[in-house]
Every structure is written in C-alpha cells, then in structure tokens.
C-alpha cells in the first residue's frame, strides 16, 4: 500500500528509524514513538463512541478487558453520558408529549 522510493515494499525498520521522524516533522507533530499511532487511533475511536468490541478486534486484543484496561482513561465522560441518559429516560413527560395528536 505504501511503497518505498523504488516501488517496493517499505521496510518496517526503515520506516520507524528513518522515515517516521521526518514525516512527523513535515506534519508539524511532536516526536513520538511509532506505536503511539496505534494508541492515538484507539483513543480517537473510543472518544467518537465506536463500540469497544470493534476497537478491541481492530487492535487484535483477545478480550475487551485488555482494551478497557489500557484505554479506560479515554472514558471520563462515560459517567456523565450515563447520568444524562438516565435523566432523559426518567424525566416526567412534558405536556406536549401527553397531547393527543
């Protein structure tokens, strides 16, 4: 999918040791480990509400508990979302909702 300068397959070691740092610099990103991309992808997917099971499978985790243990810090708003959901479900209906149409 991403060929080297000669059209052949990229060498993973060369990508990590030579190309990755230059790509980060060109993208105006701070230095980071290549593995951080995996963490960033999982974090962003969780923040967007993608089901944990799907993310876990994409990461190759055998069990979602691994995914949750590693990425639980991404879910600080989960409690607030749950509370808001209960609030919506338990709120008394408004007079508009009771009107016969």
PDB file of N, CA and C in Angstrom:
ATOM      1  N   UNK A   1       0.825  -1.189   0.000  1.00  0.00           N
ATOM      2  CA  UNK A   1       0.000   0.000   0.000  1.00  0.00           C
ATOM      3  C   UNK A   1       0.872   1.257   0.000  1.00  0.00           C
ATOM      4  N   UNK A   2       1.969   1.247   0.746  1.00  0.00           N
ATOM      5  CA  UNK A   2       2.871   2.386   0.818  1.00  0.00           C
ATOM      6  C   UNK A   2       4.246   1.925   0.337  1.00  0.00           C
ATOM      7  N   UNK A   3       4.542   2.141  -0.930  1.00  0.00           N
ATOM      8  CA  UNK A   3       5.825   1.659  -1.468  1.00  0.00           C
ATOM      9  C   UNK A   3       7.002   2.532  -1.053  1.00  0.00           C
ATOM     10  N   UNK A   4       8.194   1.947  -1.147  1.00  0.00           N
ATOM     11  CA  UNK A   4       9.402   2.731  -0.899  1.00  0.00           C
ATOM     12  C   UNK A   4       9.735   3.540  -2.155  1.00  0.00           C
ATOM     13  N   UNK A   5      10.822   4.250  -2.148  1.00  0.00           N
ATOM     14  CA  UNK A   5      11.193   5.127  -3.274  1.00  0.00           C
ATOM     15  C   UNK A   5      11.382   4.356  -4.570  1.00  0.00           C
ATOM     16  N   UNK A   6      11.696   3.068  -4.477  1.00  0.00           N
ATOM     17  CA  UNK A   6      11.906   2.247  -5.672  1.00  0.00           C
ATOM     18  C   UNK A   6      10.654   1.476  -6.082  1.00  0.00           C
ATOM     19  N   UNK A   7       9.565   1.658  -5.362  1.00  0.00           N
ATOM     20  CA  UNK A   7       8.313   0.989  -5.683  1.00  0.00           C
ATOM     21  C   UNK A   7       8.120  -0.333  -4.971  1.00  0.00           C
ATOM     22  N   UNK A   8       9.100  -0.743  -4.183  1.00  0.00           N
ATOM     23  CA  UNK A   8       8.995  -1.990  -3.429  1.00  0.00           C
ATOM     24  C   UNK A   8       8.326  -1.774  -2.094  1.00  0.00           C
ATOM     25  N   UNK A   9       8.176  -2.852  -1.336  1.00  0.00           N
ATOM     26  CA  UNK A   9       7.536  -2.711  -0.017  1.00  0.00           C
ATOM     27  C   UNK A   9       8.432  -1.965   0.963  1.00  0.00           C
ATOM     28  N   UNK A  10       7.810  -1.220   1.838  1.00  0.00           N
ATOM     29  CA  UNK A  10       8.553  -0.500   2.868  1.00  0.00           C
ATOM     30  C   UNK A  10       9.159  -1.489   3.854  1.00  0.00           C
ATOM     31  N   UNK A  11      10.339  -1.195   4.287  1.00  0.00           N
ATOM     32  CA  UNK A  11      10.977  -1.964   5.349  1.00  0.00           C
ATOM     33  C   UNK A  11      10.523  -1.337   6.665  1.00  0.00           C
ATOM     34  N   UNK A  12       9.872  -2.121   7.521  1.00  0.00           N
ATOM     35  CA  UNK A  12       9.334  -1.589   8.773  1.00  0.00           C
ATOM     36  C   UNK A  12      10.378  -0.914   9.634  1.00  0.00           C
ATOM     37  N   UNK A  13      11.576  -1.469   9.676  1.00  0.00           N
ATOM     38  CA  UNK A  13      12.637  -0.851  10.481  1.00  0.00           C
ATOM     39  C   UNK A  13      13.034   0.501   9.913  1.00  0.00           C
ATOM     40  N   UNK A  14      13.144   0.589   8.593  1.00  0.00           N
ATOM     41  CA  UNK A  14      13.482   1.875   7.982  1.00  0.00           C
ATOM     42  C   UNK A  14      12.389   2.905   8.223  1.00  0.00           C
ATOM     43  N   UNK A  15      11.150   2.464   8.148  1.00  0.00           N
ATOM     44  CA  UNK A  15      10.046   3.393   8.385  1.00  0.00           C
ATOM     45  C   UNK A  15      10.148   3.979   9.787  1.00  0.00           C
ATOM     46  N   UNK A  16      10.355   3.121  10.771  1.00  0.00           N
ATOM     47  CA  UNK A  16      10.418   3.589  12.159  1.00  0.00           C
ATOM     48  C   UNK A  16      11.669   4.424  12.430  1.00  0.00           C
ATOM     49  N   UNK A  17      12.804   4.027  11.873  1.00  0.00           N
ATOM     50  CA  UNK A  17      14.051   4.705  12.239  1.00  0.00           C
ATOM     51  C   UNK A  17      14.397   5.880  11.347  1.00  0.00           C
ATOM     52  N   UNK A  18      13.960   5.870  10.116  1.00  0.00           N
ATOM     53  CA  UNK A  18      14.349   6.953   9.192  1.00  0.00           C
ATOM     54  C   UNK A  18      13.178   7.832   8.773  1.00  0.00           C
ATOM     55  N   UNK A  19      12.145   7.229   8.255  1.00  0.00           N
ATOM     56  CA  UNK A  19      11.061   7.992   7.636  1.00  0.00           C
ATOM     57  C   UNK A  19      10.094   8.607   8.639  1.00  0.00           C
ATOM     58  N   UNK A  20       9.789   7.897   9.696  1.00  0.00           N
ATOM     59  CA  UNK A  20       8.744   8.341  10.613  1.00  0.00           C
ATOM     60  C   UNK A  20       9.061   9.703  11.226  1.00  0.00           C
ATOM     61  N   UNK A  21      10.281   9.898  11.668  1.00  0.00           N
ATOM     62  CA  UNK A  21      10.655  11.187  12.280  1.00  0.00           C
ATOM     63  C   UNK A  21      10.498  12.326  11.281  1.00  0.00           C
ATOM     64  N   UNK A  22      10.893  12.093  10.053  1.00  0.00           N
ATOM     65  CA  UNK A  22      10.744  13.148   9.023  1.00  0.00           C
ATOM     66  C   UNK A  22       9.271  13.418   8.729  1.00  0.00           C
ATOM     67  N   UNK A  23       8.464  12.362   8.687  1.00  0.00           N
ATOM     68  CA  UNK A  23       7.030  12.550   8.442  1.00  0.00           C
ATOM     69  C   UNK A  23       6.377  13.356   9.565  1.00  0.00           C
ATOM     70  N   UNK A  24       6.752  13.065  10.790  1.00  0.00           N
ATOM     71  CA  UNK A  24       6.223  13.829  11.927  1.00  0.00           C
ATOM     72  C   UNK A  24       6.617  15.295  11.816  1.00  0.00           C
ATOM     73  N   UNK A  25       7.865  15.523  11.471  1.00  0.00           N
ATOM     74  CA  UNK A  25       8.358  16.899  11.346  1.00  0.00           C
ATOM     75  C   UNK A  25       7.600  17.644  10.255  1.00  0.00           C
ATOM     76  N   UNK A  26       7.430  17.007   9.105  1.00  0.00           N
ATOM     77  CA  UNK A  26       6.710  17.646   7.990  1.00  0.00           C
ATOM     78  C   UNK A  26       5.254  17.926   8.347  1.00  0.00           C
ATOM     79  N   UNK A  27       4.682  17.087   9.207  1.00  0.00           N
ATOM     80  CA  UNK A  27       3.294  17.275   9.623  1.00  0.00           C
ATOM     81  C   UNK A  27       3.178  18.199  10.835  1.00  0.00           C
ATOM     82  N   UNK A  28       4.300  18.760  11.259  1.00  0.00           N
ATOM     83  CA  UNK A  28       4.349  19.660  12.420  1.00  0.00           C
ATOM     84  C   UNK A  28       3.832  18.974  13.685  1.00  0.00           C
ATOM     85  N   UNK A  29       4.166  17.687  13.835  1.00  0.00           N
ATOM     86  CA  UNK A  29       3.792  16.930  15.021  1.00  0.00           C
ATOM     87  C   UNK A  29       5.012  16.737  15.905  1.00  0.00           C
ATOM     88  N   UNK A  30       4.794  16.586  17.191  1.00  0.00           N
ATOM     89  CA  UNK A  30       5.932  16.381  18.093  1.00  0.00           C
ATOM     90  C   UNK A  30       6.525  14.986  17.893  1.00  0.00           C
ATOM     91  N   UNK A  31       7.771  14.805  18.303  1.00  0.00           N
ATOM     92  CA  UNK A  31       8.367  13.472  18.226  1.00  0.00           C
ATOM     93  C   UNK A  31       7.558  12.482  19.057  1.00  0.00           C
ATOM     94  N   UNK A  32       7.417  11.283  18.536  1.00  0.00           N
ATOM     95  CA  UNK A  32       6.692  10.234  19.256  1.00  0.00           C
ATOM     96  C   UNK A  32       7.146   8.876  18.764  1.00  0.00           C
ATOM     97  N   UNK A  33       6.803   7.870  19.541  1.00  0.00           N
ATOM     98  CA  UNK A  33       7.093   6.504  19.113  1.00  0.00           C
ATOM     99  C   UNK A  33       6.078   6.090  18.047  1.00  0.00           C
ATOM    100  N   UNK A  34       6.496   5.222  17.155  1.00  0.00           N
ATOM    101  CA  UNK A  34       5.600   4.741  16.109  1.00  0.00           C
ATOM    102  C   UNK A  34       4.356   4.089  16.731  1.00  0.00           C
ATOM    103  N   UNK A  35       4.549   3.354  17.817  1.00  0.00           N
ATOM    104  CA  UNK A  35       3.446   2.670  18.496  1.00  0.00           C
ATOM    105  C   UNK A  35       2.389   3.660  19.001  1.00  0.00           C
ATOM    106  N   UNK A  36       2.778   4.904  19.194  1.00  0.00           N
ATOM    107  CA  UNK A  36       1.827   5.907  19.672  1.00  0.00           C
ATOM    108  C   UNK A  36       0.688   6.121  18.685  1.00  0.00           C
ATOM    109  N   UNK A  37       0.923   5.840  17.408  1.00  0.00           N
ATOM    110  CA  UNK A  37      -0.138   5.971  16.410  1.00  0.00           C
ATOM    111  C   UNK A  37      -1.281   4.996  16.702  1.00  0.00           C
ATOM    112  N   UNK A  38      -0.917   3.799  17.120  1.00  0.00           N
ATOM    113  CA  UNK A  38      -1.922   2.787  17.473  1.00  0.00           C
ATOM    114  C   UNK A  38      -2.750   3.275  18.658  1.00  0.00           C
ATOM    115  N   UNK A  39      -2.057   3.800  19.666  1.00  0.00           N
ATOM    116  CA  UNK A  39      -2.736   4.310  20.848  1.00  0.00           C
ATOM    117  C   UNK A  39      -3.643   5.489  20.479  1.00  0.00           C
ATOM    118  N   UNK A  40      -3.144   6.381  19.638  1.00  0.00           N
ATOM    119  CA  UNK A  40      -3.938   7.537  19.225  1.00  0.00           C
ATOM    120  C   UNK A  40      -5.184   7.104  18.465  1.00  0.00           C
ATOM    121  N   UNK A  41      -5.031   6.128  17.567  1.00  0.00           N
ATOM    122  CA  UNK A  41      -6.181   5.657  16.786  1.00  0.00           C
ATOM    123  C   UNK A  41      -7.248   5.071  17.709  1.00  0.00           C
ATOM    124  N   UNK A  42      -6.840   4.235  18.654  1.00  0.00           N
ATOM    125  CA  UNK A  42      -7.794   3.631  19.579  1.00  0.00           C
ATOM    126  C   UNK A  42      -8.466   4.694  20.434  1.00  0.00           C
ATOM    127  N   UNK A  43      -7.699   5.645  20.912  1.00  0.00           N
ATOM    128  CA  UNK A  43      -8.228   6.716  21.751  1.00  0.00           C
ATOM    129  C   UNK A  43      -9.257   7.543  21.000  1.00  0.00           C
ATOM    130  N   UNK A  44      -8.944   7.919  19.776  1.00  0.00           N
ATOM    131  CA  UNK A  44      -9.875   8.723  18.982  1.00  0.00           C
ATOM    132  C   UNK A  44     -11.152   7.952  18.663  1.00  0.00           C
ATOM    133  N   UNK A  45     -11.026   6.665  18.357  1.00  0.00           N
ATOM    134  CA  UNK A  45     -12.210   5.853  18.085  1.00  0.00           C
ATOM    135  C   UNK A  45     -13.096   5.749  19.323  1.00  0.00           C
ATOM    136  N   UNK A  46     -12.489   5.566  20.483  1.00  0.00           N
ATOM    137  CA  UNK A  46     -13.276   5.496  21.715  1.00  0.00           C
ATOM    138  C   UNK A  46     -13.971   6.821  22.000  1.00  0.00           C
ATOM    139  N   UNK A  47     -13.260   7.894  21.799  1.00  0.00           N
ATOM    140  CA  UNK A  47     -13.837   9.222  22.042  1.00  0.00           C
ATOM    141  C   UNK A  47     -15.012   9.502  21.108  1.00  0.00           C
ATOM    142  N   UNK A  48     -15.016   8.856  19.941  1.00  0.00           N
ATOM    143  CA  UNK A  48     -16.108   9.036  18.985  1.00  0.00           C
ATOM    144  C   UNK A  48     -17.259   8.065  19.215  1.00  0.00           C
ATOM    145  N   UNK A  49     -17.129   7.242  20.252  1.00  0.00           N
ATOM    146  CA  UNK A  49     -18.223   6.344  20.593  1.00  0.00           C
ATOM    147  C   UNK A  49     -18.253   5.030  19.832  1.00  0.00           C
ATOM    148  N   UNK A  50     -17.174   4.674  19.162  1.00  0.00           N
ATOM    149  CA  UNK A  50     -17.116   3.392  18.469  1.00  0.00           C
ATOM    150  C   UNK A  50     -17.175   2.294  19.531  1.00  0.00           C
ATOM    151  N   UNK A  51     -17.958   1.261  19.306  1.00  0.00           N
ATOM    152  CA  UNK A  51     -18.073   0.196  20.312  1.00  0.00           C
ATOM    153  C   UNK A  51     -16.712  -0.406  20.687  1.00  0.00           C
ATOM    154  N   UNK A  52     -16.522  -0.624  21.972  1.00  0.00           N
ATOM    155  CA  UNK A  52     -15.267  -1.158  22.494  1.00  0.00           C
ATOM    156  C   UNK A  52     -14.927  -2.488  21.828  1.00  0.00           C
ATOM    157  N   UNK A  53     -15.922  -3.319  21.603  1.00  0.00           N
ATOM    158  CA  UNK A  53     -15.688  -4.632  20.976  1.00  0.00           C
ATOM    159  C   UNK A  53     -15.037  -4.459  19.604  1.00  0.00           C
ATOM    160  N   UNK A  54     -15.512  -3.512  18.806  1.00  0.00           N
ATOM    161  CA  UNK A  54     -14.951  -3.285  17.475  1.00  0.00           C
ATOM    162  C   UNK A  54     -13.503  -2.796  17.580  1.00  0.00           C
ATOM    163  N   UNK A  55     -13.254  -1.888  18.505  1.00  0.00           N
ATOM    164  CA  UNK A  55     -11.891  -1.366  18.684  1.00  0.00           C
ATOM    165  C   UNK A  55     -10.967  -2.484  19.151  1.00  0.00           C
ATOM    166  N   UNK A  56     -11.445  -3.278  20.079  1.00  0.00           N
ATOM    167  CA  UNK A  56     -10.654  -4.389  20.602  1.00  0.00           C
ATOM    168  C   UNK A  56     -10.259  -5.350  19.483  1.00  0.00           C
ATOM    169  N   UNK A  57     -11.206  -5.654  18.606  1.00  0.00           N
ATOM    170  CA  UNK A  57     -10.915  -6.542  17.483  1.00  0.00           C
ATOM    171  C   UNK A  57      -9.906  -5.917  16.525  1.00  0.00           C
ATOM    172  N   UNK A  58     -10.060  -4.631  16.254  1.00  0.00           N
ATOM    173  CA  UNK A  58      -9.117  -3.944  15.354  1.00  0.00           C
ATOM    174  C   UNK A  58      -7.698  -3.968  15.919  1.00  0.00           C
ATOM    175  N   UNK A  59      -7.586  -3.847  17.236  1.00  0.00           N
ATOM    176  CA  UNK A  59      -6.277  -3.842  17.884  1.00  0.00           C
ATOM    177  C   UNK A  59      -5.699  -5.249  18.037  1.00  0.00           C
ATOM    178  N   UNK A  60      -6.529  -6.254  17.805  1.00  0.00           N
ATOM    179  CA  UNK A  60      -6.062  -7.626  17.943  1.00  0.00           C
ATOM    180  C   UNK A  60      -6.054  -8.127  19.375  1.00  0.00           C
ATOM    181  N   UNK A  61      -6.789  -7.448  20.246  1.00  0.00           N
ATOM    182  CA  UNK A  61      -6.879  -7.911  21.628  1.00  0.00           C
ATOM    183  C   UNK A  61      -7.810  -9.123  21.680  1.00  0.00           C
ATOM    184  N   UNK A  62      -7.437 -10.120  22.449  1.00  0.00           N
ATOM    185  CA  UNK A  62      -8.253 -11.332  22.538  1.00  0.00           C
ATOM    186  C   UNK A  62      -9.486 -11.124  23.408  1.00  0.00           C
ATOM    187  N   UNK A  63      -9.488 -10.074  24.189  1.00  0.00           N
ATOM    188  CA  UNK A  63     -10.576  -9.831  25.133  1.00  0.00           C
ATOM    189  C   UNK A  63     -10.740  -8.325  25.306  1.00  0.00           C
ATOM    190  N   UNK A  64     -11.987  -7.856  25.399  1.00  0.00           N
ATOM    191  CA  UNK A  64     -12.193  -6.411  25.543  1.00  0.00           C
ATOM    192  C   UNK A  64     -11.682  -5.879  26.861  1.00  0.00           C
ATOM    193  N   UNK A  65     -11.473  -6.749  27.847  1.00  0.00           N
ATOM    194  CA  UNK A  65     -10.948  -6.255  29.123  1.00  0.00           C
ATOM    195  C   UNK A  65      -9.538  -5.693  28.949  1.00  0.00           C
ATOM    196  N   UNK A  66      -8.784  -6.251  28.024  1.00  0.00           N
ATOM    197  CA  UNK A  66      -7.448  -5.699  27.739  1.00  0.00           C
ATOM    198  C   UNK A  66      -7.587  -4.286  27.204  1.00  0.00           C
ATOM    199  N   UNK A  67      -8.477  -4.116  26.258  1.00  0.00           N
ATOM    200  CA  UNK A  67      -8.702  -2.794  25.661  1.00  0.00           C
ATOM    201  C   UNK A  67      -9.158  -1.806  26.721  1.00  0.00           C
ATOM    202  N   UNK A  68     -10.097  -2.217  27.553  1.00  0.00           N
ATOM    203  CA  UNK A  68     -10.603  -1.319  28.595  1.00  0.00           C
ATOM    204  C   UNK A  68      -9.530  -0.987  29.624  1.00  0.00           C
ATOM    205  N   UNK A  69      -8.696  -1.950  29.971  1.00  0.00           N
ATOM    206  CA  UNK A  69      -7.638  -1.699  30.951  1.00  0.00           C
ATOM    207  C   UNK A  69      -6.642  -0.664  30.417  1.00  0.00           C
ATOM    208  N   UNK A  70      -6.301  -0.776  29.138  1.00  0.00           N
ATOM    209  CA  UNK A  70      -5.300   0.113  28.551  1.00  0.00           C
ATOM    210  C   UNK A  70      -5.880   1.492  28.234  1.00  0.00           C
ATOM    211  N   UNK A  71      -7.137   1.531  27.825  1.00  0.00           N
ATOM    212  CA  UNK A  71      -7.707   2.780  27.329  1.00  0.00           C
ATOM    213  C   UNK A  71      -8.825   3.354  28.194  1.00  0.00           C
ATOM    214  N   UNK A  72      -8.995   2.874  29.410  1.00  0.00           N
ATOM    215  CA  UNK A  72     -10.087   3.344  30.271  1.00  0.00           C
ATOM    216  C   UNK A  72     -10.022   4.848  30.513  1.00  0.00           C
ATOM    217  N   UNK A  73      -8.834   5.423  30.506  1.00  0.00           N
ATOM    218  CA  UNK A  73      -8.700   6.864  30.747  1.00  0.00           C
ATOM    219  C   UNK A  73      -9.407   7.700  29.690  1.00  0.00           C
ATOM    220  N   UNK A  74      -9.746   7.093  28.564  1.00  0.00           N
ATOM    221  CA  UNK A  74     -10.404   7.826  27.484  1.00  0.00           C
ATOM    222  C   UNK A  74     -11.880   8.038  27.783  1.00  0.00           C
ATOM    223  N   UNK A  75     -12.415   7.321  28.750  1.00  0.00           N
ATOM    224  CA  UNK A  75     -13.845   7.343  29.005  1.00  0.00           C
ATOM    225  C   UNK A  75     -14.286   8.188  30.191  1.00  0.00           C
ATOM    226  N   UNK A  76     -13.617   9.307  30.498  1.00  0.00           N
ATOM    227  CA  UNK A  76     -14.033  10.081  31.666  1.00  0.00           C
ATOM    228  C   UNK A  76     -15.426  10.671  31.530  1.00  0.00           C
ATOM    229  N   UNK A  77     -15.889  10.860  30.318  1.00  0.00           N
ATOM    230  CA  UNK A  77     -17.237  11.419  30.138  1.00  0.00           C
ATOM    231  C   UNK A  77     -18.308  10.338  30.173  1.00  0.00           C
ATOM    232  N   UNK A  78     -17.914   9.079  30.271  1.00  0.00           N
ATOM    233  CA  UNK A  78     -18.893   7.993  30.262  1.00  0.00           C
ATOM    234  C   UNK A  78     -19.882   8.124  31.406  1.00  0.00           C
ATOM    235  N   UNK A  79     -19.414   8.508  32.585  1.00  0.00           N
ATOM    236  CA  UNK A  79     -20.309   8.659  33.734  1.00  0.00           C
ATOM    237  C   UNK A  79     -21.311   9.781  33.476  1.00  0.00           C
ATOM    238  N   UNK A  80     -20.828  10.861  32.923  1.00  0.00           N
ATOM    239  CA  UNK A  80     -21.727  11.985  32.615  1.00  0.00           C
ATOM    240  C   UNK A  80     -22.742  11.578  31.549  1.00  0.00           C
ATOM    241  N   UNK A  81     -22.295  10.852  30.535  1.00  0.00           N
ATOM    242  CA  UNK A  81     -23.218  10.395  29.499  1.00  0.00           C
ATOM    243  C   UNK A  81     -24.279   9.469  30.072  1.00  0.00           C
ATOM    244  N   UNK A  82     -23.865   8.574  30.972  1.00  0.00           N
ATOM    245  CA  UNK A  82     -24.817   7.658  31.598  1.00  0.00           C
ATOM    246  C   UNK A  82     -25.838   8.426  32.435  1.00  0.00           C
ATOM    247  N   UNK A  83     -25.366   9.390  33.200  1.00  0.00           N
ATOM    248  CA  UNK A  83     -26.271  10.190  34.026  1.00  0.00           C
ATOM    249  C   UNK A  83     -27.257  10.968  33.154  1.00  0.00           C
ATOM    250  N   UNK A  84     -26.779  11.527  32.071  1.00  0.00           N
ATOM    251  CA  UNK A  84     -27.666  12.257  31.156  1.00  0.00           C
ATOM    252  C   UNK A  84     -28.708  11.335  30.531  1.00  0.00           C
ATOM    253  N   UNK A  85     -28.300  10.113  30.198  1.00  0.00           N
ATOM    254  CA  UNK A  85     -29.238   9.150  29.621  1.00  0.00           C
ATOM    255  C   UNK A  85     -30.342   8.821  30.626  1.00  0.00           C
ATOM    256  N   UNK A  86     -29.958   8.556  31.894  1.00  0.00           N
ATOM    257  CA  UNK A  86     -30.955   8.288  32.920  1.00  0.00           C
ATOM    258  C   UNK A  86     -31.875   9.484  33.112  1.00  0.00           C
ATOM    259  N   UNK A  87     -31.306  10.666  33.078  1.00  0.00           N
ATOM    260  CA  UNK A  87     -32.103  11.881  33.241  1.00  0.00           C
ATOM    261  C   UNK A  87     -33.159  11.981  32.139  1.00  0.00           C
ATOM    262  N   UNK A  88     -32.754  11.703  30.901  1.00  0.00           N
ATOM    263  CA  UNK A  88     -33.702  11.768  29.782  1.00  0.00           C
ATOM    264  C   UNK A  88     -34.797  10.704  29.925  1.00  0.00           C
ATOM    265  N   UNK A  89     -34.399   9.503  30.345  1.00  0.00           N
ATOM    266  CA  UNK A  89     -35.370   8.402  30.447  1.00  0.00           C
ATOM    267  C   UNK A  89     -36.345   8.585  31.607  1.00  0.00           C
ATOM    268  N   UNK A  90     -35.878   9.174  32.697  1.00  0.00           N
ATOM    269  CA  UNK A  90     -36.716   9.272  33.904  1.00  0.00           C
ATOM    270  C   UNK A  90     -37.425  10.606  34.054  1.00  0.00           C
ATOM    271  N   UNK A  91     -37.119  11.545  33.204  1.00  0.00           N
ATOM    272  CA  UNK A  91     -37.754  12.858  33.286  1.00  0.00           C
ATOM    273  C   UNK A  91     -39.254  12.709  33.008  1.00  0.00           C
ATOM    274  N   UNK A  92     -40.073  13.347  33.807  1.00  0.00           N
ATOM    275  CA  UNK A  92     -41.526  13.271  33.531  1.00  0.00           C
ATOM    276  C   UNK A  92     -41.826  13.849  32.152  1.00  0.00           C
ATOM    277  N   UNK A  93     -42.795  13.262  31.474  1.00  0.00           N
ATOM    278  CA  UNK A  93     -43.128  13.756  30.141  1.00  0.00           C
ATOM    279  C   UNK A  93     -43.676  15.189  30.222  1.00  0.00           C
ATOM    280  N   UNK A  94     -43.409  15.948  29.190  1.00  0.00           N
ATOM    281  CA  UNK A  94     -43.937  17.327  29.143  1.00  0.00           C
ATOM    282  C   UNK A  94     -45.376  17.276  28.684  1.00  0.00           C
ATOM    283  N   UNK A  95     -46.074  18.379  28.845  1.00  0.00           N
ATOM    284  CA  UNK A  95     -47.480  18.421  28.441  1.00  0.00           C
ATOM    285  C   UNK A  95     -47.597  18.206  26.934  1.00  0.00           C
ATOM    286  N   UNK A  96     -46.614  18.624  26.164  1.00  0.00           N
ATOM    287  CA  UNK A  96     -46.647  18.407  24.719  1.00  0.00           C
ATOM    288  C   UNK A  96     -46.618  16.927  24.380  1.00  0.00           C
ATOM    289  N   UNK A  97     -45.845  16.159  25.155  1.00  0.00           N
ATOM    290  CA  UNK A  97     -45.736  14.722  24.906  1.00  0.00           C
ATOM    291  C   UNK A  97     -47.042  14.002  25.239  1.00  0.00           C
ATOM    292  N   UNK A  98     -47.840  14.585  26.142  1.00  0.00           N
ATOM    293  CA  UNK A  98     -49.097  13.958  26.549  1.00  0.00           C
ATOM    294  C   UNK A  98     -50.252  14.332  25.633  1.00  0.00           C
ATOM    295  N   UNK A  99     -50.096  15.351  24.834  1.00  0.00           N
ATOM    296  CA  UNK A  99     -51.174  15.827  23.967  1.00  0.00           C
ATOM    297  C   UNK A  99     -51.523  14.762  22.936  1.00  0.00           C
ATOM    298  N   UNK A 100     -52.820  14.585  22.700  1.00  0.00           N
ATOM    299  CA  UNK A 100     -53.294  13.611  21.695  1.00  0.00           C
ATOM    300  C   UNK A 100     -53.181  14.286  20.344  1.00  0.00           C
ATOM    301  N   UNK A 101     -52.664  13.574  19.411  1.00  0.00           N
ATOM    302  CA  UNK A 101     -52.496  14.172  18.074  1.00  0.00           C
ATOM    303  C   UNK A 101     -53.449  13.578  17.103  1.00  0.00           C
TER     304      UNK A 101
END
